[in-house]
């Protein structure tokens, strides 16, 4: 899913450019969506886009995508969600329908973990 997919979601999307503004908006979006701040890389971002209506988010940086390993295969992650916040689990789903859940705490930044202990 490269720049062609991103281009199809640009219309009606919020688009930000520059590391500082992208980092701030990405942190706000993660909080708004109830996802941990350590979920995605927030350093050296070039562009951030969010099409809320379509539920499509992109980060323009030298990354090739988020992948998971299942049965010795690397599959692209197409969906990330926290179904029940009280479970403390975040789920990653692939395009093949395979999904796996992990503790949200594994993706929290140290600052978030400190706030939860207080």
N, C-alpha and C. Protein backbone atom coordinates (compact mmCIF):
# COMPACT_ATOMS: atom_id res chain seq x y z
N UNK A 1 0.86 -1.18 0.00
CA UNK A 1 0.00 0.00 0.00
C UNK A 1 0.89 1.22 0.00
N UNK A 2 1.13 1.80 -1.08
CA UNK A 2 2.07 2.90 -1.14
C UNK A 2 1.40 4.23 -1.34
N UNK A 3 2.09 5.09 -2.07
CA UNK A 3 1.60 6.45 -2.26
C UNK A 3 0.31 6.51 -3.05
N UNK A 4 0.02 5.50 -3.87
CA UNK A 4 -1.26 5.48 -4.60
C UNK A 4 -2.43 5.38 -3.63
N UNK A 5 -2.30 4.53 -2.62
CA UNK A 5 -3.36 4.40 -1.62
C UNK A 5 -3.51 5.71 -0.84
N UNK A 6 -2.39 6.30 -0.46
CA UNK A 6 -2.43 7.57 0.27
C UNK A 6 -3.12 8.63 -0.58
N UNK A 7 -2.76 8.71 -1.85
CA UNK A 7 -3.36 9.71 -2.73
C UNK A 7 -4.87 9.58 -2.81
N UNK A 8 -5.38 8.36 -2.74
CA UNK A 8 -6.82 8.17 -2.83
C UNK A 8 -7.55 8.64 -1.57
N UNK A 9 -6.83 8.82 -0.46
CA UNK A 9 -7.44 9.27 0.79
C UNK A 9 -7.15 10.73 1.13
N UNK A 10 -6.36 11.42 0.30
CA UNK A 10 -5.99 12.80 0.60
C UNK A 10 -7.19 13.75 0.64
N UNK A 11 -8.16 13.52 -0.26
CA UNK A 11 -9.33 14.40 -0.29
C UNK A 11 -10.07 14.28 1.04
N UNK A 12 -10.42 15.41 1.63
CA UNK A 12 -11.11 15.49 2.92
C UNK A 12 -10.27 15.03 4.10
N UNK A 13 -8.96 14.96 3.93
CA UNK A 13 -8.08 14.54 5.03
C UNK A 13 -7.38 15.75 5.63
N UNK A 14 -7.04 15.65 6.91
CA UNK A 14 -6.18 16.62 7.56
C UNK A 14 -4.75 16.21 7.19
N UNK A 15 -3.96 17.12 6.65
CA UNK A 15 -2.58 16.80 6.27
C UNK A 15 -1.65 17.81 6.94
N UNK A 16 -0.62 17.27 7.60
CA UNK A 16 0.36 18.10 8.30
C UNK A 16 1.74 17.76 7.78
N UNK A 17 2.62 18.76 7.74
CA UNK A 17 3.99 18.56 7.27
C UNK A 17 4.97 19.18 8.25
N UNK A 18 6.09 18.53 8.42
CA UNK A 18 7.12 19.01 9.34
C UNK A 18 7.11 18.20 10.61
N UNK A 19 8.28 17.90 11.10
CA UNK A 19 8.44 17.00 12.24
C UNK A 19 7.68 17.45 13.49
N UNK A 20 7.83 18.70 13.89
CA UNK A 20 7.24 19.15 15.15
C UNK A 20 5.71 19.09 15.12
N UNK A 21 5.09 19.62 14.07
CA UNK A 21 3.63 19.63 14.00
C UNK A 21 3.08 18.21 13.81
N UNK A 22 3.78 17.37 13.04
CA UNK A 22 3.33 15.99 12.84
C UNK A 22 3.40 15.20 14.15
N UNK A 23 4.50 15.38 14.89
CA UNK A 23 4.66 14.68 16.16
C UNK A 23 3.56 15.07 17.15
N UNK A 24 3.26 16.35 17.23
CA UNK A 24 2.21 16.82 18.15
C UNK A 24 0.84 16.28 17.74
N UNK A 25 0.50 16.38 16.45
CA UNK A 25 -0.81 15.92 15.99
C UNK A 25 -0.95 14.41 16.11
N UNK A 26 0.15 13.67 15.85
CA UNK A 26 0.10 12.21 15.97
C UNK A 26 -0.14 11.80 17.41
N UNK A 27 0.53 12.46 18.34
CA UNK A 27 0.32 12.17 19.76
C UNK A 27 -1.13 12.46 20.14
N UNK A 28 -1.67 13.58 19.66
CA UNK A 28 -3.08 13.91 19.93
C UNK A 28 -4.02 12.86 19.36
N UNK A 29 -3.74 12.41 18.13
CA UNK A 29 -4.59 11.40 17.49
C UNK A 29 -4.56 10.06 18.24
N UNK A 30 -3.37 9.65 18.64
CA UNK A 30 -3.27 8.39 19.38
C UNK A 30 -4.07 8.46 20.68
N UNK A 31 -3.96 9.59 21.39
CA UNK A 31 -4.74 9.76 22.61
C UNK A 31 -6.24 9.75 22.31
N UNK A 32 -6.63 10.48 21.27
CA UNK A 32 -8.03 10.57 20.86
C UNK A 32 -8.61 9.19 20.50
N UNK A 33 -7.79 8.36 19.88
CA UNK A 33 -8.24 7.03 19.47
C UNK A 33 -8.07 5.99 20.58
N UNK A 34 -7.52 6.42 21.71
CA UNK A 34 -7.33 5.52 22.84
C UNK A 34 -6.20 4.52 22.65
N UNK A 35 -5.21 4.91 21.85
CA UNK A 35 -4.07 4.03 21.58
C UNK A 35 -2.83 4.54 22.30
N UNK A 36 -1.90 3.65 22.66
CA UNK A 36 -0.69 4.07 23.38
C UNK A 36 0.24 4.90 22.50
N UNK A 37 0.93 5.86 23.12
CA UNK A 37 1.82 6.77 22.39
C UNK A 37 3.02 6.07 21.75
N UNK A 38 3.40 4.93 22.27
CA UNK A 38 4.55 4.21 21.73
C UNK A 38 4.20 3.27 20.59
N UNK A 39 2.98 3.32 20.12
CA UNK A 39 2.53 2.40 19.07
C UNK A 39 3.23 2.64 17.74
N UNK A 40 3.42 3.89 17.37
CA UNK A 40 4.01 4.25 16.08
C UNK A 40 5.23 5.13 16.28
N UNK A 41 6.17 5.10 15.34
CA UNK A 41 7.36 5.96 15.46
C UNK A 41 6.98 7.42 15.29
N UNK A 42 7.42 8.27 16.21
CA UNK A 42 7.07 9.69 16.15
C UNK A 42 8.27 10.58 15.90
N UNK A 43 9.39 10.00 15.51
CA UNK A 43 10.60 10.78 15.25
C UNK A 43 10.78 11.04 13.76
N UNK A 44 11.23 12.22 13.42
CA UNK A 44 11.57 12.59 12.04
C UNK A 44 10.44 12.38 11.04
N UNK A 45 9.23 12.71 11.45
CA UNK A 45 8.09 12.58 10.54
C UNK A 45 8.13 13.68 9.49
N UNK A 46 7.83 13.33 8.27
CA UNK A 46 7.79 14.31 7.18
C UNK A 46 6.36 14.78 6.90
N UNK A 47 5.41 13.83 6.98
CA UNK A 47 4.02 14.15 6.69
C UNK A 47 3.11 13.22 7.47
N UNK A 48 2.00 13.76 7.92
CA UNK A 48 0.97 12.99 8.61
C UNK A 48 -0.36 13.35 7.98
N UNK A 49 -1.13 12.35 7.67
CA UNK A 49 -2.46 12.59 7.12
C UNK A 49 -3.47 11.72 7.83
N UNK A 50 -4.67 12.27 8.02
CA UNK A 50 -5.73 11.52 8.69
C UNK A 50 -7.05 11.84 8.03
N UNK A 51 -7.64 10.83 7.42
CA UNK A 51 -8.97 10.94 6.83
C UNK A 51 -9.91 10.28 7.82
N UNK A 52 -10.52 11.09 8.68
CA UNK A 52 -11.35 10.57 9.76
C UNK A 52 -12.54 9.78 9.23
N UNK A 53 -13.18 10.27 8.20
CA UNK A 53 -14.37 9.60 7.65
C UNK A 53 -14.04 8.19 7.18
N UNK A 54 -12.92 8.03 6.51
CA UNK A 54 -12.51 6.72 6.00
C UNK A 54 -11.78 5.88 7.05
N UNK A 55 -11.31 6.53 8.13
CA UNK A 55 -10.54 5.83 9.14
C UNK A 55 -9.14 5.48 8.67
N UNK A 56 -8.60 6.31 7.78
CA UNK A 56 -7.30 6.05 7.18
C UNK A 56 -6.28 7.06 7.69
N UNK A 57 -5.15 6.56 8.15
CA UNK A 57 -4.08 7.38 8.71
C UNK A 57 -2.78 7.01 8.00
N UNK A 58 -1.98 8.02 7.66
CA UNK A 58 -0.67 7.71 7.08
C UNK A 58 0.40 8.59 7.70
N UNK A 59 1.63 8.02 7.75
CA UNK A 59 2.83 8.72 8.20
C UNK A 59 3.81 8.66 7.04
N UNK A 60 4.34 9.81 6.63
CA UNK A 60 5.34 9.80 5.55
C UNK A 60 6.71 9.89 6.18
N UNK A 61 7.40 8.78 6.11
CA UNK A 61 8.72 8.63 6.69
C UNK A 61 9.36 7.45 5.99
N UNK A 62 10.62 7.25 6.19
CA UNK A 62 11.27 6.11 5.54
C UNK A 62 10.98 4.83 6.32
N UNK A 63 9.72 4.43 6.29
CA UNK A 63 9.32 3.15 6.87
C UNK A 63 8.59 2.38 5.77
N UNK A 64 8.70 1.07 5.81
CA UNK A 64 8.10 0.27 4.75
C UNK A 64 6.75 -0.30 5.15
N UNK A 65 6.36 -0.12 6.38
CA UNK A 65 5.07 -0.63 6.81
C UNK A 65 5.20 -1.40 8.10
N UNK A 66 4.10 -1.67 8.70
CA UNK A 66 4.06 -2.43 9.93
C UNK A 66 3.68 -3.85 9.55
N UNK A 67 4.46 -4.79 10.01
CA UNK A 67 4.21 -6.18 9.65
C UNK A 67 4.23 -7.04 10.89
N UNK A 68 3.63 -8.20 10.79
CA UNK A 68 3.64 -9.17 11.87
C UNK A 68 4.06 -10.52 11.30
N UNK A 69 4.64 -11.34 12.12
CA UNK A 69 5.06 -12.66 11.66
C UNK A 69 4.06 -13.70 12.15
N UNK A 70 3.50 -14.44 11.23
CA UNK A 70 2.59 -15.53 11.53
C UNK A 70 3.05 -16.75 10.75
N UNK A 71 3.28 -17.84 11.44
CA UNK A 71 3.67 -19.09 10.79
C UNK A 71 4.81 -18.90 9.79
N UNK A 72 5.84 -18.19 10.18
CA UNK A 72 7.03 -17.93 9.38
C UNK A 72 6.77 -17.04 8.16
N UNK A 73 5.63 -16.37 8.11
CA UNK A 73 5.31 -15.43 7.04
C UNK A 73 5.21 -14.04 7.64
N UNK A 74 5.66 -13.05 6.90
CA UNK A 74 5.50 -11.66 7.33
C UNK A 74 4.30 -11.09 6.60
N UNK A 75 3.30 -10.66 7.35
CA UNK A 75 2.05 -10.15 6.78
C UNK A 75 1.86 -8.69 7.16
N UNK A 76 1.30 -7.91 6.26
CA UNK A 76 1.04 -6.50 6.54
C UNK A 76 -0.11 -6.35 7.53
N UNK A 77 0.07 -5.45 8.48
CA UNK A 77 -1.00 -5.14 9.44
C UNK A 77 -1.92 -4.13 8.78
N UNK A 78 -3.22 -4.42 8.78
CA UNK A 78 -4.18 -3.52 8.14
C UNK A 78 -5.11 -2.85 9.15
N UNK A 79 -5.12 -3.35 10.37
CA UNK A 79 -6.01 -2.76 11.37
C UNK A 79 -5.40 -2.93 12.76
N UNK A 80 -5.50 -1.88 13.57
CA UNK A 80 -5.02 -1.90 14.95
C UNK A 80 -6.14 -1.32 15.79
N UNK A 81 -6.54 -2.03 16.85
CA UNK A 81 -7.63 -1.52 17.67
C UNK A 81 -7.58 -2.08 19.08
N UNK A 82 -8.23 -1.35 19.98
CA UNK A 82 -8.43 -1.80 21.35
C UNK A 82 -9.93 -2.00 21.48
N UNK A 83 -10.36 -3.25 21.48
CA UNK A 83 -11.78 -3.58 21.49
C UNK A 83 -12.41 -3.25 22.85
N UNK A 84 -11.74 -3.63 23.91
CA UNK A 84 -12.24 -3.41 25.26
C UNK A 84 -11.11 -2.83 26.10
N UNK A 85 -11.14 -1.51 26.37
CA UNK A 85 -10.03 -0.89 27.12
C UNK A 85 -9.74 -1.55 28.47
N UNK A 86 -10.76 -2.12 29.11
CA UNK A 86 -10.53 -2.74 30.42
C UNK A 86 -9.72 -4.04 30.30
N UNK A 87 -9.63 -4.61 29.10
CA UNK A 87 -8.86 -5.85 28.91
C UNK A 87 -7.36 -5.58 28.93
N UNK A 88 -6.95 -4.33 28.61
CA UNK A 88 -5.54 -4.01 28.55
C UNK A 88 -4.84 -4.62 27.36
N UNK A 89 -5.60 -5.00 26.32
CA UNK A 89 -5.04 -5.65 25.14
C UNK A 89 -5.26 -4.80 23.89
N UNK A 90 -4.28 -4.80 23.01
CA UNK A 90 -4.37 -4.14 21.70
C UNK A 90 -4.26 -5.23 20.64
N UNK A 91 -5.10 -5.16 19.62
CA UNK A 91 -5.17 -6.20 18.60
C UNK A 91 -4.64 -5.69 17.27
N UNK A 92 -3.85 -6.51 16.61
CA UNK A 92 -3.30 -6.23 15.29
C UNK A 92 -3.89 -7.26 14.33
N UNK A 93 -4.51 -6.79 13.27
CA UNK A 93 -5.17 -7.68 12.32
C UNK A 93 -4.50 -7.55 10.95
N UNK A 94 -4.34 -8.68 10.27
CA UNK A 94 -3.73 -8.68 8.94
C UNK A 94 -4.81 -8.74 7.87
N UNK A 95 -4.42 -8.52 6.64
CA UNK A 95 -5.36 -8.57 5.53
C UNK A 95 -5.92 -9.97 5.29
N UNK A 96 -5.27 -10.99 5.83
CA UNK A 96 -5.74 -12.36 5.67
C UNK A 96 -6.77 -12.75 6.72
N UNK A 97 -7.02 -11.84 7.66
CA UNK A 97 -7.97 -12.12 8.73
C UNK A 97 -7.33 -12.62 10.00
N UNK A 98 -6.04 -12.94 9.96
CA UNK A 98 -5.34 -13.36 11.18
C UNK A 98 -5.18 -12.16 12.10
N UNK A 99 -5.28 -12.40 13.38
CA UNK A 99 -5.14 -11.31 14.35
C UNK A 99 -4.42 -11.84 15.58
N UNK A 100 -3.76 -10.94 16.28
CA UNK A 100 -3.09 -11.29 17.53
C UNK A 100 -3.19 -10.10 18.47
N UNK A 101 -3.32 -10.39 19.74
CA UNK A 101 -3.45 -9.34 20.74
C UNK A 101 -2.24 -9.34 21.67
N UNK A 102 -1.88 -8.14 22.12
CA UNK A 102 -0.74 -7.96 23.01
C UNK A 102 -1.13 -6.99 24.11
N UNK A 103 -0.40 -6.99 25.22
CA UNK A 103 -0.68 -6.00 26.28
C UNK A 103 -0.42 -4.58 25.77
N UNK A 104 -1.33 -3.68 26.05
CA UNK A 104 -1.16 -2.27 25.68
C UNK A 104 0.11 -1.72 26.30
N UNK A 105 0.45 -2.19 27.49
CA UNK A 105 1.63 -1.68 28.20
C UNK A 105 2.92 -1.89 27.40
N UNK A 106 2.94 -2.85 26.49
CA UNK A 106 4.13 -3.08 25.68
C UNK A 106 4.38 -1.94 24.70
N UNK A 107 3.37 -1.10 24.46
CA UNK A 107 3.49 -0.01 23.48
C UNK A 107 3.41 1.36 24.14
N UNK A 108 3.37 1.40 25.45
CA UNK A 108 3.32 2.69 26.15
C UNK A 108 4.72 3.24 26.34
N UNK A 109 4.81 4.55 26.30
CA UNK A 109 6.07 5.21 26.59
C UNK A 109 6.25 5.26 28.10
N UNK A 110 7.47 5.43 28.55
CA UNK A 110 7.74 5.47 30.00
C UNK A 110 6.90 6.52 30.71
N UNK A 111 6.69 7.67 30.07
CA UNK A 111 5.89 8.74 30.69
C UNK A 111 4.46 8.27 30.93
N UNK A 112 3.89 7.51 30.01
CA UNK A 112 2.53 6.98 30.18
C UNK A 112 2.48 5.98 31.32
N UNK A 113 3.49 5.12 31.42
CA UNK A 113 3.51 4.12 32.48
C UNK A 113 3.59 4.78 33.84
N UNK A 114 4.38 5.86 33.95
CA UNK A 114 4.51 6.59 35.20
C UNK A 114 3.20 7.22 35.63
N UNK A 115 2.44 7.77 34.70
CA UNK A 115 1.15 8.39 35.02
C UNK A 115 0.16 7.36 35.53
N UNK A 116 0.19 6.14 35.01
CA UNK A 116 -0.75 5.11 35.43
C UNK A 116 -0.45 4.63 36.84
N UNK A 117 0.81 4.70 37.25
CA UNK A 117 1.18 4.24 38.59
C UNK A 117 0.75 5.23 39.67
N UNK A 118 0.58 6.50 39.28
CA UNK A 118 0.26 7.55 40.27
C UNK A 118 -1.16 7.45 40.76
